[in-house]
């Protein structure tokens, strides 16, 4: 990991941020004491996570009952009365 001083970062911030994106993390020190780290942002994980989600069976059952604009208060009341 490359180490730079706070003064170097102040003088060439844009350059160091671009270098961190290209080469990896850059450690920033203030008088020899580490104070921050500039790291590249992780790349996109490869798609929409909602397309890979697992629907719980309870939700699937509820989803079927809500189709067509059902009144949720009657569904909640029915569930409450069952218990």
PDB file of N, CA and C in Angstrom:
ATOM      1  N   UNK A   1       0.848  -1.169   0.000  1.00  0.00           N
ATOM      2  CA  UNK A   1       0.000   0.000   0.000  1.00  0.00           C
ATOM      3  C   UNK A   1       0.895   1.234   0.000  1.00  0.00           C
ATOM      4  N   UNK A   2       0.593   2.164  -0.871  1.00  0.00           N
ATOM      5  CA  UNK A   2       1.346   3.404  -0.977  1.00  0.00           C
ATOM      6  C   UNK A   2       0.987   4.320   0.192  1.00  0.00           C
ATOM      7  N   UNK A   3       1.995   4.976   0.775  1.00  0.00           N
ATOM      8  CA  UNK A   3       1.784   5.904   1.879  1.00  0.00           C
ATOM      9  C   UNK A   3       2.194   7.298   1.438  1.00  0.00           C
ATOM     10  N   UNK A   4       1.319   8.275   1.703  1.00  0.00           N
ATOM     11  CA  UNK A   4       1.617   9.673   1.375  1.00  0.00           C
ATOM     12  C   UNK A   4       1.306  10.532   2.591  1.00  0.00           C
ATOM     13  N   UNK A   5       1.869  11.733   2.590  1.00  0.00           N
ATOM     14  CA  UNK A   5       1.593  12.656   3.690  1.00  0.00           C
ATOM     15  C   UNK A   5       0.337  13.469   3.382  1.00  0.00           C
ATOM     16  N   UNK A   6      -0.202  14.061   4.399  1.00  0.00           N
ATOM     17  CA  UNK A   6      -1.370  14.916   4.242  1.00  0.00           C
ATOM     18  C   UNK A   6      -1.044  16.089   3.320  1.00  0.00           C
ATOM     19  N   UNK A   7       0.168  16.583   3.411  1.00  0.00           N
ATOM     20  CA  UNK A   7       0.603  17.690   2.562  1.00  0.00           C
ATOM     21  C   UNK A   7       0.602  17.275   1.090  1.00  0.00           C
ATOM     22  N   UNK A   8       1.096  16.048   0.799  1.00  0.00           N
ATOM     23  CA  UNK A   8       1.079  15.552  -0.577  1.00  0.00           C
ATOM     24  C   UNK A   8      -0.354  15.424  -1.093  1.00  0.00           C
ATOM     25  N   UNK A   9      -1.232  14.916  -0.235  1.00  0.00           N
ATOM     26  CA  UNK A   9      -2.631  14.768  -0.624  1.00  0.00           C
ATOM     27  C   UNK A   9      -3.252  16.125  -0.913  1.00  0.00           C
ATOM     28  N   UNK A  10      -2.977  17.095  -0.075  1.00  0.00           N
ATOM     29  CA  UNK A  10      -3.510  18.443  -0.261  1.00  0.00           C
ATOM     30  C   UNK A  10      -3.024  19.053  -1.578  1.00  0.00           C
ATOM     31  N   UNK A  11      -1.766  18.831  -1.907  1.00  0.00           N
ATOM     32  CA  UNK A  11      -1.193  19.424  -3.118  1.00  0.00           C
ATOM     33  C   UNK A  11      -1.724  18.781  -4.400  1.00  0.00           C
ATOM     34  N   UNK A  12      -2.001  17.482  -4.364  1.00  0.00           N
ATOM     35  CA  UNK A  12      -2.398  16.775  -5.586  1.00  0.00           C
ATOM     36  C   UNK A  12      -3.530  15.788  -5.316  1.00  0.00           C
ATOM     37  N   UNK A  13      -4.613  16.289  -4.748  1.00  0.00           N
ATOM     38  CA  UNK A  13      -5.721  15.413  -4.360  1.00  0.00           C
ATOM     39  C   UNK A  13      -6.258  14.597  -5.529  1.00  0.00           C
ATOM     40  N   UNK A  14      -6.595  15.259  -6.618  1.00  0.00           N
ATOM     41  CA  UNK A  14      -7.167  14.567  -7.771  1.00  0.00           C
ATOM     42  C   UNK A  14      -6.261  13.474  -8.291  1.00  0.00           C
ATOM     43  N   UNK A  15      -4.986  13.749  -8.361  1.00  0.00           N
ATOM     44  CA  UNK A  15      -4.026  12.770  -8.847  1.00  0.00           C
ATOM     45  C   UNK A  15      -3.970  11.543  -7.949  1.00  0.00           C
ATOM     46  N   UNK A  16      -3.960  11.758  -6.627  1.00  0.00           N
ATOM     47  CA  UNK A  16      -3.885  10.634  -5.695  1.00  0.00           C
ATOM     48  C   UNK A  16      -5.169   9.807  -5.678  1.00  0.00           C
ATOM     49  N   UNK A  17      -6.306  10.466  -5.838  1.00  0.00           N
ATOM     50  CA  UNK A  17      -7.569   9.725  -5.887  1.00  0.00           C
ATOM     51  C   UNK A  17      -7.605   8.854  -7.136  1.00  0.00           C
ATOM     52  N   UNK A  18      -7.187   9.392  -8.271  1.00  0.00           N
ATOM     53  CA  UNK A  18      -7.145   8.596  -9.499  1.00  0.00           C
ATOM     54  C   UNK A  18      -6.152   7.441  -9.372  1.00  0.00           C
ATOM     55  N   UNK A  19      -5.004   7.686  -8.718  1.00  0.00           N
ATOM     56  CA  UNK A  19      -4.028   6.610  -8.507  1.00  0.00           C
ATOM     57  C   UNK A  19      -4.603   5.515  -7.619  1.00  0.00           C
ATOM     58  N   UNK A  20      -5.346   5.904  -6.587  1.00  0.00           N
ATOM     59  CA  UNK A  20      -5.960   4.910  -5.702  1.00  0.00           C
ATOM     60  C   UNK A  20      -6.959   4.062  -6.483  1.00  0.00           C
ATOM     61  N   UNK A  21      -7.722   4.689  -7.372  1.00  0.00           N
ATOM     62  CA  UNK A  21      -8.689   3.940  -8.175  1.00  0.00           C
ATOM     63  C   UNK A  21      -7.980   2.965  -9.107  1.00  0.00           C
ATOM     64  N   UNK A  22      -6.828   3.350  -9.587  1.00  0.00           N
ATOM     65  CA  UNK A  22      -6.088   2.525 -10.541  1.00  0.00           C
ATOM     66  C   UNK A  22      -5.205   1.479  -9.863  1.00  0.00           C
ATOM     67  N   UNK A  23      -4.530   1.848  -8.775  1.00  0.00           N
ATOM     68  CA  UNK A  23      -3.516   0.981  -8.175  1.00  0.00           C
ATOM     69  C   UNK A  23      -3.939   0.307  -6.868  1.00  0.00           C
ATOM     70  N   UNK A  24      -4.950   0.829  -6.198  1.00  0.00           N
ATOM     71  CA  UNK A  24      -5.364   0.275  -4.911  1.00  0.00           C
ATOM     72  C   UNK A  24      -5.258   1.314  -3.811  1.00  0.00           C
ATOM     73  N   UNK A  25      -5.380   0.892  -2.595  1.00  0.00           N
ATOM     74  CA  UNK A  25      -5.457   1.783  -1.437  1.00  0.00           C
ATOM     75  C   UNK A  25      -4.211   2.642  -1.272  1.00  0.00           C
ATOM     76  N   UNK A  26      -4.436   3.861  -0.791  1.00  0.00           N
ATOM     77  CA  UNK A  26      -3.369   4.807  -0.467  1.00  0.00           C
ATOM     78  C   UNK A  26      -3.577   5.237   0.983  1.00  0.00           C
ATOM     79  N   UNK A  27      -2.539   5.094   1.797  1.00  0.00           N
ATOM     80  CA  UNK A  27      -2.597   5.471   3.204  1.00  0.00           C
ATOM     81  C   UNK A  27      -2.118   6.906   3.358  1.00  0.00           C
ATOM     82  N   UNK A  28      -2.897   7.725   4.064  1.00  0.00           N
ATOM     83  CA  UNK A  28      -2.549   9.130   4.284  1.00  0.00           C
ATOM     84  C   UNK A  28      -2.082   9.277   5.723  1.00  0.00           C
ATOM     85  N   UNK A  29      -0.928   9.934   5.909  1.00  0.00           N
ATOM     86  CA  UNK A  29      -0.389  10.136   7.249  1.00  0.00           C
ATOM     87  C   UNK A  29      -0.275  11.620   7.567  1.00  0.00           C
ATOM     88  N   UNK A  30      -0.336  11.931   8.847  1.00  0.00           N
ATOM     89  CA  UNK A  30      -0.107  13.289   9.324  1.00  0.00           C
ATOM     90  C   UNK A  30       1.038  13.214  10.315  1.00  0.00           C
ATOM     91  N   UNK A  31       2.187  13.714   9.917  1.00  0.00           N
ATOM     92  CA  UNK A  31       3.414  13.651  10.725  1.00  0.00           C
ATOM     93  C   UNK A  31       3.759  12.218  11.122  1.00  0.00           C
ATOM     94  N   UNK A  32       3.564  11.297  10.169  1.00  0.00           N
ATOM     95  CA  UNK A  32       3.925   9.910  10.379  1.00  0.00           C
ATOM     96  C   UNK A  32       2.845   9.035  10.997  1.00  0.00           C
ATOM     97  N   UNK A  33       1.742   9.640  11.440  1.00  0.00           N
ATOM     98  CA  UNK A  33       0.648   8.893  12.037  1.00  0.00           C
ATOM     99  C   UNK A  33      -0.442   8.654  10.992  1.00  0.00           C
ATOM    100  N   UNK A  34      -0.807   7.407  10.748  1.00  0.00           N
ATOM    101  CA  UNK A  34      -1.871   7.138   9.776  1.00  0.00           C
ATOM    102  C   UNK A  34      -3.192   7.767  10.213  1.00  0.00           C
ATOM    103  N   UNK A  35      -3.835   8.508   9.296  1.00  0.00           N
ATOM    104  CA  UNK A  35      -5.098   9.169   9.643  1.00  0.00           C
ATOM    105  C   UNK A  35      -6.246   8.801   8.695  1.00  0.00           C
ATOM    106  N   UNK A  36      -5.926   8.331   7.494  1.00  0.00           N
ATOM    107  CA  UNK A  36      -6.989   8.009   6.541  1.00  0.00           C
ATOM    108  C   UNK A  36      -6.456   7.054   5.488  1.00  0.00           C
ATOM    109  N   UNK A  37      -7.412   6.448   4.788  1.00  0.00           N
ATOM    110  CA  UNK A  37      -7.037   5.567   3.684  1.00  0.00           C
ATOM    111  C   UNK A  37      -7.974   5.876   2.524  1.00  0.00           C
ATOM    112  N   UNK A  38      -7.406   6.039   1.352  1.00  0.00           N
ATOM    113  CA  UNK A  38      -8.196   6.242   0.147  1.00  0.00           C
ATOM    114  C   UNK A  38      -8.239   4.904  -0.572  1.00  0.00           C
ATOM    115  N   UNK A  39      -9.456   4.390  -0.781  1.00  0.00           N
ATOM    116  CA  UNK A  39      -9.614   3.083  -1.419  1.00  0.00           C
ATOM    117  C   UNK A  39     -10.539   3.196  -2.617  1.00  0.00           C
ATOM    118  N   UNK A  40     -10.299   2.387  -3.628  1.00  0.00           N
ATOM    119  CA  UNK A  40     -11.205   2.404  -4.779  1.00  0.00           C
ATOM    120  C   UNK A  40     -12.560   1.798  -4.405  1.00  0.00           C
ATOM    121  N   UNK A  41     -13.586   2.260  -5.060  1.00  0.00           N
ATOM    122  CA  UNK A  41     -14.925   1.729  -4.849  1.00  0.00           C
ATOM    123  C   UNK A  41     -15.018   0.373  -5.534  1.00  0.00           C
ATOM    124  N   UNK A  42     -15.660  -0.577  -4.868  1.00  0.00           N
ATOM    125  CA  UNK A  42     -15.825  -1.913  -5.454  1.00  0.00           C
ATOM    126  C   UNK A  42     -16.652  -1.805  -6.727  1.00  0.00           C
ATOM    127  N   UNK A  43     -16.300  -2.580  -7.703  1.00  0.00           N
ATOM    128  CA  UNK A  43     -17.033  -2.589  -8.970  1.00  0.00           C
ATOM    129  C   UNK A  43     -18.418  -3.173  -8.761  1.00  0.00           C
ATOM    130  N   UNK A  44     -19.286  -2.928  -9.721  1.00  0.00           N
ATOM    131  CA  UNK A  44     -20.655  -3.439  -9.667  1.00  0.00           C
ATOM    132  C   UNK A  44     -20.632  -4.952  -9.514  1.00  0.00           C
ATOM    133  N   UNK A  45     -21.477  -5.453  -8.622  1.00  0.00           N
ATOM    134  CA  UNK A  45     -21.487  -6.879  -8.313  1.00  0.00           C
ATOM    135  C   UNK A  45     -22.048  -7.725  -9.449  1.00  0.00           C
ATOM    136  N   UNK A  46     -22.568  -7.106 -10.478  1.00  0.00           N
ATOM    137  CA  UNK A  46     -23.033  -7.877 -11.618  1.00  0.00           C
ATOM    138  C   UNK A  46     -24.530  -8.050 -11.693  1.00  0.00           C
ATOM    139  N   UNK A  47     -25.227  -6.978 -11.578  1.00  0.00           N
ATOM    140  CA  UNK A  47     -26.650  -7.094 -11.789  1.00  0.00           C
ATOM    141  C   UNK A  47     -27.499  -6.603 -10.644  1.00  0.00           C
ATOM    142  N   UNK A  48     -28.770  -6.712 -10.864  1.00  0.00           N
ATOM    143  CA  UNK A  48     -29.756  -6.258  -9.913  1.00  0.00           C
ATOM    144  C   UNK A  48     -29.976  -7.337  -8.853  1.00  0.00           C
ATOM    145  N   UNK A  49     -29.707  -7.061  -7.586  1.00  0.00           N
ATOM    146  CA  UNK A  49     -29.870  -8.084  -6.556  1.00  0.00           C
ATOM    147  C   UNK A  49     -31.328  -8.502  -6.371  1.00  0.00           C
ATOM    148  N   UNK A  50     -32.277  -7.647  -6.753  1.00  0.00           N
ATOM    149  CA  UNK A  50     -33.681  -7.995  -6.608  1.00  0.00           C
ATOM    150  C   UNK A  50     -34.097  -9.099  -7.567  1.00  0.00           C
ATOM    151  N   UNK A  51     -33.353  -9.273  -8.658  1.00  0.00           N
ATOM    152  CA  UNK A  51     -33.672 -10.350  -9.589  1.00  0.00           C
ATOM    153  C   UNK A  51     -33.271 -11.711  -9.022  1.00  0.00           C
ATOM    154  N   UNK A  52     -32.365 -11.722  -8.042  1.00  0.00           N
ATOM    155  CA  UNK A  52     -31.871 -12.963  -7.445  1.00  0.00           C
ATOM    156  C   UNK A  52     -32.479 -13.245  -6.078  1.00  0.00           C
ATOM    157  N   UNK A  53     -33.404 -12.407  -5.633  1.00  0.00           N
ATOM    158  CA  UNK A  53     -33.941 -12.558  -4.281  1.00  0.00           C
ATOM    159  C   UNK A  53     -34.777 -13.819  -4.141  1.00  0.00           C
ATOM    160  N   UNK A  54     -34.855 -14.292  -2.926  1.00  0.00           N
ATOM    161  CA  UNK A  54     -35.659 -15.466  -2.616  1.00  0.00           C
ATOM    162  C   UNK A  54     -36.896 -14.987  -1.867  1.00  0.00           C
ATOM    163  N   UNK A  55     -38.053 -15.282  -2.414  1.00  0.00           N
ATOM    164  CA  UNK A  55     -39.296 -14.848  -1.796  1.00  0.00           C
ATOM    165  C   UNK A  55     -39.698 -15.878  -0.739  1.00  0.00           C
ATOM    166  N   UNK A  56     -39.946 -15.405   0.464  1.00  0.00           N
ATOM    167  CA  UNK A  56     -40.360 -16.284   1.557  1.00  0.00           C
ATOM    168  C   UNK A  56     -41.750 -16.842   1.276  1.00  0.00           C
ATOM    169  N   UNK A  57     -42.006 -18.087   1.674  1.00  0.00           N
ATOM    170  CA  UNK A  57     -43.316 -18.697   1.418  1.00  0.00           C
ATOM    171  C   UNK A  57     -44.474 -17.896   2.024  1.00  0.00           C
ATOM    172  N   UNK A  58     -44.249 -17.302   3.190  1.00  0.00           N
ATOM    173  CA  UNK A  58     -45.290 -16.494   3.828  1.00  0.00           C
ATOM    174  C   UNK A  58     -45.665 -15.302   2.965  1.00  0.00           C
ATOM    175  N   UNK A  59     -44.659 -14.663   2.380  1.00  0.00           N
ATOM    176  CA  UNK A  59     -44.921 -13.516   1.521  1.00  0.00           C
ATOM    177  C   UNK A  59     -45.611 -13.949   0.237  1.00  0.00           C
ATOM    178  N   UNK A  60     -45.200 -15.074  -0.313  1.00  0.00           N
ATOM    179  CA  UNK A  60     -45.834 -15.565  -1.547  1.00  0.00           C
ATOM    180  C   UNK A  60     -47.319 -15.821  -1.304  1.00  0.00           C
ATOM    181  N   UNK A  61     -47.673 -16.387  -0.152  1.00  0.00           N
ATOM    182  CA  UNK A  61     -49.076 -16.635   0.167  1.00  0.00           C
ATOM    183  C   UNK A  61     -49.830 -15.315   0.327  1.00  0.00           C
ATOM    184  N   UNK A  62     -49.221 -14.357   0.990  1.00  0.00           N
ATOM    185  CA  UNK A  62     -49.849 -13.054   1.186  1.00  0.00           C
ATOM    186  C   UNK A  62     -49.996 -12.324  -0.137  1.00  0.00           C
ATOM    187  N   UNK A  63     -48.990 -12.434  -0.975  1.00  0.00           N
ATOM    188  CA  UNK A  63     -49.003 -11.755  -2.266  1.00  0.00           C
ATOM    189  C   UNK A  63     -50.185 -12.227  -3.113  1.00  0.00           C
ATOM    190  N   UNK A  64     -50.477 -13.515  -3.065  1.00  0.00           N
ATOM    191  CA  UNK A  64     -51.613 -14.044  -3.803  1.00  0.00           C
ATOM    192  C   UNK A  64     -52.938 -13.503  -3.284  1.00  0.00           C
ATOM    193  N   UNK A  65     -53.032 -13.304  -1.994  1.00  0.00           N
ATOM    194  CA  UNK A  65     -54.266 -12.794  -1.385  1.00  0.00           C
ATOM    195  C   UNK A  65     -54.452 -11.306  -1.642  1.00  0.00           C
ATOM    196  N   UNK A  66     -53.354 -10.597  -1.893  1.00  0.00           N
ATOM    197  CA  UNK A  66     -53.447  -9.156  -2.135  1.00  0.00           C
ATOM    198  C   UNK A  66     -53.675  -8.819  -3.600  1.00  0.00           C
ATOM    199  N   UNK A  67     -53.594  -9.787  -4.479  1.00  0.00           N
ATOM    200  CA  UNK A  67     -53.750  -9.524  -5.912  1.00  0.00           C
ATOM    201  C   UNK A  67     -55.126  -8.940  -6.188  1.00  0.00           C
ATOM    202  N   UNK A  68     -55.174  -7.971  -7.070  1.00  0.00           N
ATOM    203  CA  UNK A  68     -56.450  -7.384  -7.452  1.00  0.00           C
ATOM    204  C   UNK A  68     -56.917  -6.269  -6.547  1.00  0.00           C
ATOM    205  N   UNK A  69     -56.057  -5.754  -5.700  1.00  0.00           N
ATOM    206  CA  UNK A  69     -56.411  -4.608  -4.877  1.00  0.00           C
ATOM    207  C   UNK A  69     -57.230  -4.948  -3.648  1.00  0.00           C
ATOM    208  N   UNK A  70     -56.963  -6.057  -3.014  1.00  0.00           N
ATOM    209  CA  UNK A  70     -57.692  -6.439  -1.802  1.00  0.00           C
ATOM    210  C   UNK A  70     -57.453  -5.438  -0.688  1.00  0.00           C
ATOM    211  N   UNK A  71     -58.413  -5.354   0.216  1.00  0.00           N
ATOM    212  CA  UNK A  71     -58.294  -4.477   1.368  1.00  0.00           C
ATOM    213  C   UNK A  71     -57.414  -5.143   2.415  1.00  0.00           C
ATOM    214  N   UNK A  72     -56.312  -4.532   2.756  1.00  0.00           N
ATOM    215  CA  UNK A  72     -55.367  -5.147   3.680  1.00  0.00           C
ATOM    216  C   UNK A  72     -55.921  -5.260   5.094  1.00  0.00           C
ATOM    217  N   UNK A  73     -56.836  -4.383   5.464  1.00  0.00           N
ATOM    218  CA  UNK A  73     -57.373  -4.463   6.828  1.00  0.00           C
ATOM    219  C   UNK A  73     -58.161  -5.749   7.046  1.00  0.00           C
ATOM    220  N   UNK A  74     -58.863  -6.203   6.028  1.00  0.00           N
ATOM    221  CA  UNK A  74     -59.613  -7.457   6.190  1.00  0.00           C
ATOM    222  C   UNK A  74     -58.656  -8.649   6.279  1.00  0.00           C
ATOM    223  N   UNK A  75     -57.557  -8.606   5.566  1.00  0.00           N
ATOM    224  CA  UNK A  75     -56.570  -9.688   5.617  1.00  0.00           C
ATOM    225  C   UNK A  75     -55.907  -9.733   6.990  1.00  0.00           C
ATOM    226  N   UNK A  76     -55.537  -8.561   7.503  1.00  0.00           N
ATOM    227  CA  UNK A  76     -54.900  -8.495   8.819  1.00  0.00           C
ATOM    228  C   UNK A  76     -55.879  -8.967   9.892  1.00  0.00           C
ATOM    229  N   UNK A  77     -57.135  -8.550   9.789  1.00  0.00           N
ATOM    230  CA  UNK A  77     -58.146  -8.964  10.771  1.00  0.00           C
ATOM    231  C   UNK A  77     -58.353 -10.472  10.727  1.00  0.00           C
ATOM    232  N   UNK A  78     -58.375 -11.049   9.534  1.00  0.00           N
ATOM    233  CA  UNK A  78     -58.545 -12.488   9.400  1.00  0.00           C
ATOM    234  C   UNK A  78     -57.368 -13.244  10.022  1.00  0.00           C
ATOM    235  N   UNK A  79     -56.150 -12.740   9.801  1.00  0.00           N
ATOM    236  CA  UNK A  79     -54.951 -13.356  10.394  1.00  0.00           C
ATOM    237  C   UNK A  79     -54.996 -13.246  11.921  1.00  0.00           C
ATOM    238  N   UNK A  80     -55.441 -12.127  12.427  1.00  0.00           N
ATOM    239  CA  UNK A  80     -55.501 -11.913  13.867  1.00  0.00           C
ATOM    240  C   UNK A  80     -56.534 -12.850  14.495  1.00  0.00           C
ATOM    241  N   UNK A  81     -57.669 -13.034  13.824  1.00  0.00           N
ATOM    242  CA  UNK A  81     -58.730 -13.896  14.352  1.00  0.00           C
ATOM    243  C   UNK A  81     -58.326 -15.351  14.363  1.00  0.00           C
ATOM    244  N   UNK A  82     -57.434 -15.758  13.442  1.00  0.00           N
ATOM    245  CA  UNK A  82     -56.993 -17.148  13.374  1.00  0.00           C
ATOM    246  C   UNK A  82     -56.154 -17.543  14.574  1.00  0.00           C
ATOM    247  N   UNK A  83     -55.385 -16.612  15.106  1.00  0.00           N
ATOM    248  CA  UNK A  83     -54.469 -16.928  16.225  1.00  0.00           C
ATOM    249  C   UNK A  83     -55.171 -17.053  17.490  1.00  0.00           C
TER     250      UNK A  83
END
